[in-house]
Amino acid sequence: MDSSQHSIIHAPAENVATYLKNIDMLWQLGTRFTLPA
């Protein structure tokens, strides 16, 4: 029971971390292209 609950909680946590990393990367690229050189 504990192991299954851990995996259920662990997977979404990894997805959220990956999502935040992608958003941060896209934000940095966006500001790099939109800011005047």
PDB file of N, CA and C in Angstrom:
ATOM      1  N   MET A   1       0.840  -1.201   0.000  1.00  0.00           N
ATOM      2  CA  MET A   1       0.000   0.000   0.000  1.00  0.00           C
ATOM      3  C   MET A   1       0.871   1.246   0.000  1.00  0.00           C
ATOM      4  N   ASP A   2       1.872   1.270   0.866  1.00  0.00           N
ATOM      5  CA  ASP A   2       2.736   2.448   0.931  1.00  0.00           C
ATOM      6  C   ASP A   2       3.505   2.642  -0.373  1.00  0.00           C
ATOM      7  N   SER A   3       3.996   1.543  -0.950  1.00  0.00           N
ATOM      8  CA  SER A   3       4.788   1.659  -2.177  1.00  0.00           C
ATOM      9  C   SER A   3       3.927   2.182  -3.328  1.00  0.00           C
ATOM     10  N   SER A   4       2.686   1.714  -3.417  1.00  0.00           N
ATOM     11  CA  SER A   4       1.818   2.173  -4.502  1.00  0.00           C
ATOM     12  C   SER A   4       1.470   3.644  -4.312  1.00  0.00           C
ATOM     13  N   GLN A   5       1.220   4.053  -3.081  1.00  0.00           N
ATOM     14  CA  GLN A   5       0.911   5.462  -2.822  1.00  0.00           C
ATOM     15  C   GLN A   5       2.120   6.330  -3.155  1.00  0.00           C
ATOM     16  N   HIS A   6       3.308   5.835  -2.840  1.00  0.00           N
ATOM     17  CA  HIS A   6       4.518   6.610  -3.121  1.00  0.00           C
ATOM     18  C   HIS A   6       4.685   6.803  -4.628  1.00  0.00           C
ATOM     19  N   SER A   7       4.468   5.743  -5.402  1.00  0.00           N
ATOM     20  CA  SER A   7       4.629   5.849  -6.856  1.00  0.00           C
ATOM     21  C   SER A   7       3.578   6.789  -7.440  1.00  0.00           C
ATOM     22  N   ILE A   8       2.371   6.739  -6.896  1.00  0.00           N
ATOM     23  CA  ILE A   8       1.305   7.612  -7.404  1.00  0.00           C
ATOM     24  C   ILE A   8       1.645   9.071  -7.120  1.00  0.00           C
ATOM     25  N   ILE A   9       2.261   9.333  -5.979  1.00  0.00           N
ATOM     26  CA  ILE A   9       2.623  10.705  -5.621  1.00  0.00           C
ATOM     27  C   ILE A   9       3.903  11.125  -6.350  1.00  0.00           C
ATOM     28  N   HIS A  10       4.794  10.185  -6.564  1.00  0.00           N
ATOM     29  CA  HIS A  10       6.108  10.499  -7.121  1.00  0.00           C
ATOM     30  C   HIS A  10       6.021  10.857  -8.605  1.00  0.00           C
ATOM     31  N   ALA A  11       5.202  10.144  -9.355  1.00  0.00           N
ATOM     32  CA  ALA A  11       5.114  10.384 -10.798  1.00  0.00           C
ATOM     33  C   ALA A  11       4.630  11.797 -11.113  1.00  0.00           C
ATOM     34  N   PRO A  12       3.518  12.262 -10.535  1.00  0.00           N
ATOM     35  CA  PRO A  12       3.082  13.634 -10.810  1.00  0.00           C
ATOM     36  C   PRO A  12       4.127  14.662 -10.393  1.00  0.00           C
ATOM     37  N   ALA A  13       4.861  14.405  -9.331  1.00  0.00           N
ATOM     38  CA  ALA A  13       5.893  15.344  -8.885  1.00  0.00           C
ATOM     39  C   ALA A  13       6.956  15.502  -9.969  1.00  0.00           C
ATOM     40  N   GLU A  14       7.354  14.401 -10.595  1.00  0.00           N
ATOM     41  CA  GLU A  14       8.348  14.476 -11.672  1.00  0.00           C
ATOM     42  C   GLU A  14       7.769  15.235 -12.858  1.00  0.00           C
ATOM     43  N   ASN A  15       6.503  14.993 -13.159  1.00  0.00           N
ATOM     44  CA  ASN A  15       5.869  15.687 -14.287  1.00  0.00           C
ATOM     45  C   ASN A  15       5.829  17.184 -14.035  1.00  0.00           C
ATOM     46  N   VAL A  16       5.518  17.578 -12.811  1.00  0.00           N
ATOM     47  CA  VAL A  16       5.462  19.001 -12.474  1.00  0.00           C
ATOM     48  C   VAL A  16       6.846  19.617 -12.585  1.00  0.00           C
ATOM     49  N   ALA A  17       7.875  18.912 -12.119  1.00  0.00           N
ATOM     50  CA  ALA A  17       9.240  19.434 -12.185  1.00  0.00           C
ATOM     51  C   ALA A  17       9.653  19.631 -13.643  1.00  0.00           C
ATOM     52  N   THR A  18       9.348  18.657 -14.491  1.00  0.00           N
ATOM     53  CA  THR A  18       9.677  18.770 -15.916  1.00  0.00           C
ATOM     54  C   THR A  18       8.913  19.917 -16.554  1.00  0.00           C
ATOM     55  N   TYR A  19       7.643  20.060 -16.177  1.00  0.00           N
ATOM     56  CA  TYR A  19       6.806  21.134 -16.724  1.00  0.00           C
ATOM     57  C   TYR A  19       7.386  22.491 -16.363  1.00  0.00           C
ATOM     58  N   LEU A  20       7.782  22.654 -15.095  1.00  0.00           N
ATOM     59  CA  LEU A  20       8.335  23.933 -14.649  1.00  0.00           C
ATOM     60  C   LEU A  20       9.649  24.227 -15.359  1.00  0.00           C
ATOM     61  N   LYS A  21      10.474  23.202 -15.569  1.00  0.00           N
ATOM     62  CA  LYS A  21      11.749  23.406 -16.274  1.00  0.00           C
ATOM     63  C   LYS A  21      11.486  23.869 -17.705  1.00  0.00           C
ATOM     64  N   ASN A  22      10.506  23.253 -18.364  1.00  0.00           N
ATOM     65  CA  ASN A  22      10.184  23.633 -19.741  1.00  0.00           C
ATOM     66  C   ASN A  22       9.655  25.054 -19.796  1.00  0.00           C
ATOM     67  N   ILE A  23       8.798  25.428 -18.847  1.00  0.00           N
ATOM     68  CA  ILE A  23       8.256  26.788 -18.817  1.00  0.00           C
ATOM     69  C   ILE A  23       9.384  27.790 -18.604  1.00  0.00           C
ATOM     70  N   ASP A  24      10.303  27.468 -17.711  1.00  0.00           N
ATOM     71  CA  ASP A  24      11.420  28.377 -17.439  1.00  0.00           C
ATOM     72  C   ASP A  24      12.285  28.547 -18.680  1.00  0.00           C
ATOM     73  N   MET A  25      12.531  27.439 -19.403  1.00  0.00           N
ATOM     74  CA  MET A  25      13.350  27.501 -20.614  1.00  0.00           C
ATOM     75  C   MET A  25      12.659  28.347 -21.677  1.00  0.00           C
ATOM     76  N   LEU A  26      11.345  28.115 -21.850  1.00  0.00           N
ATOM     77  CA  LEU A  26      10.603  28.886 -22.853  1.00  0.00           C
ATOM     78  C   LEU A  26      10.563  30.360 -22.478  1.00  0.00           C
ATOM     79  N   TRP A  27      10.441  30.656 -21.178  1.00  0.00           N
ATOM     80  CA  TRP A  27      10.387  32.056 -20.735  1.00  0.00           C
ATOM     81  C   TRP A  27      11.720  32.746 -21.018  1.00  0.00           C
ATOM     82  N   GLN A  28      12.817  32.039 -20.759  1.00  0.00           N
ATOM     83  CA  GLN A  28      14.138  32.621 -21.014  1.00  0.00           C
ATOM     84  C   GLN A  28      14.327  32.867 -22.512  1.00  0.00           C
ATOM     85  N   LEU A  29      13.887  31.917 -23.340  1.00  0.00           N
ATOM     86  CA  LEU A  29      14.000  32.102 -24.790  1.00  0.00           C
ATOM     87  C   LEU A  29      13.118  33.254 -25.243  1.00  0.00           C
ATOM     88  N   GLY A  30      11.911  33.350 -24.677  1.00  0.00           N
ATOM     89  CA  GLY A  30      10.986  34.413 -25.053  1.00  0.00           C
ATOM     90  C   GLY A  30      11.546  35.780 -24.717  1.00  0.00           C
ATOM     91  N   THR A  31      12.083  35.943 -23.521  1.00  0.00           N
ATOM     92  CA  THR A  31      12.625  37.242 -23.126  1.00  0.00           C
ATOM     93  C   THR A  31      13.873  37.562 -23.946  1.00  0.00           C
ATOM     94  N   ARG A  32      14.626  36.538 -24.308  1.00  0.00           N
ATOM     95  CA  ARG A  32      15.845  36.760 -25.094  1.00  0.00           C
ATOM     96  C   ARG A  32      15.495  37.313 -26.471  1.00  0.00           C
ATOM     97  N   PHE A  33      14.379  36.830 -27.052  1.00  0.00           N
ATOM     98  CA  PHE A  33      14.003  37.255 -28.402  1.00  0.00           C
ATOM     99  C   PHE A  33      13.191  38.541 -28.397  1.00  0.00           C
ATOM    100  N   THR A  34      12.448  38.812 -27.322  1.00  0.00           N
ATOM    101  CA  THR A  34      11.570  39.981 -27.306  1.00  0.00           C
ATOM    102  C   THR A  34      12.282  41.220 -26.780  1.00  0.00           C
ATOM    103  N   LEU A  35      13.299  41.044 -25.942  1.00  0.00           N
ATOM    104  CA  LEU A  35      14.029  42.202 -25.429  1.00  0.00           C
ATOM    105  C   LEU A  35      14.873  42.821 -26.537  1.00  0.00           C
ATOM    106  N   PRO A  36      14.962  44.141 -26.593  1.00  0.00           N
ATOM    107  CA  PRO A  36      15.794  44.791 -27.612  1.00  0.00           C
ATOM    108  C   PRO A  36      17.269  44.433 -27.437  1.00  0.00           C
ATOM    109  N   ALA A  37      17.953  44.203 -28.526  1.00  0.00           N
ATOM    110  CA  ALA A  37      19.354  43.799 -28.462  1.00  0.00           C
ATOM    111  C   ALA A  37      20.231  44.977 -28.053  1.00  0.00           C
TER     112      ALA A  37
END
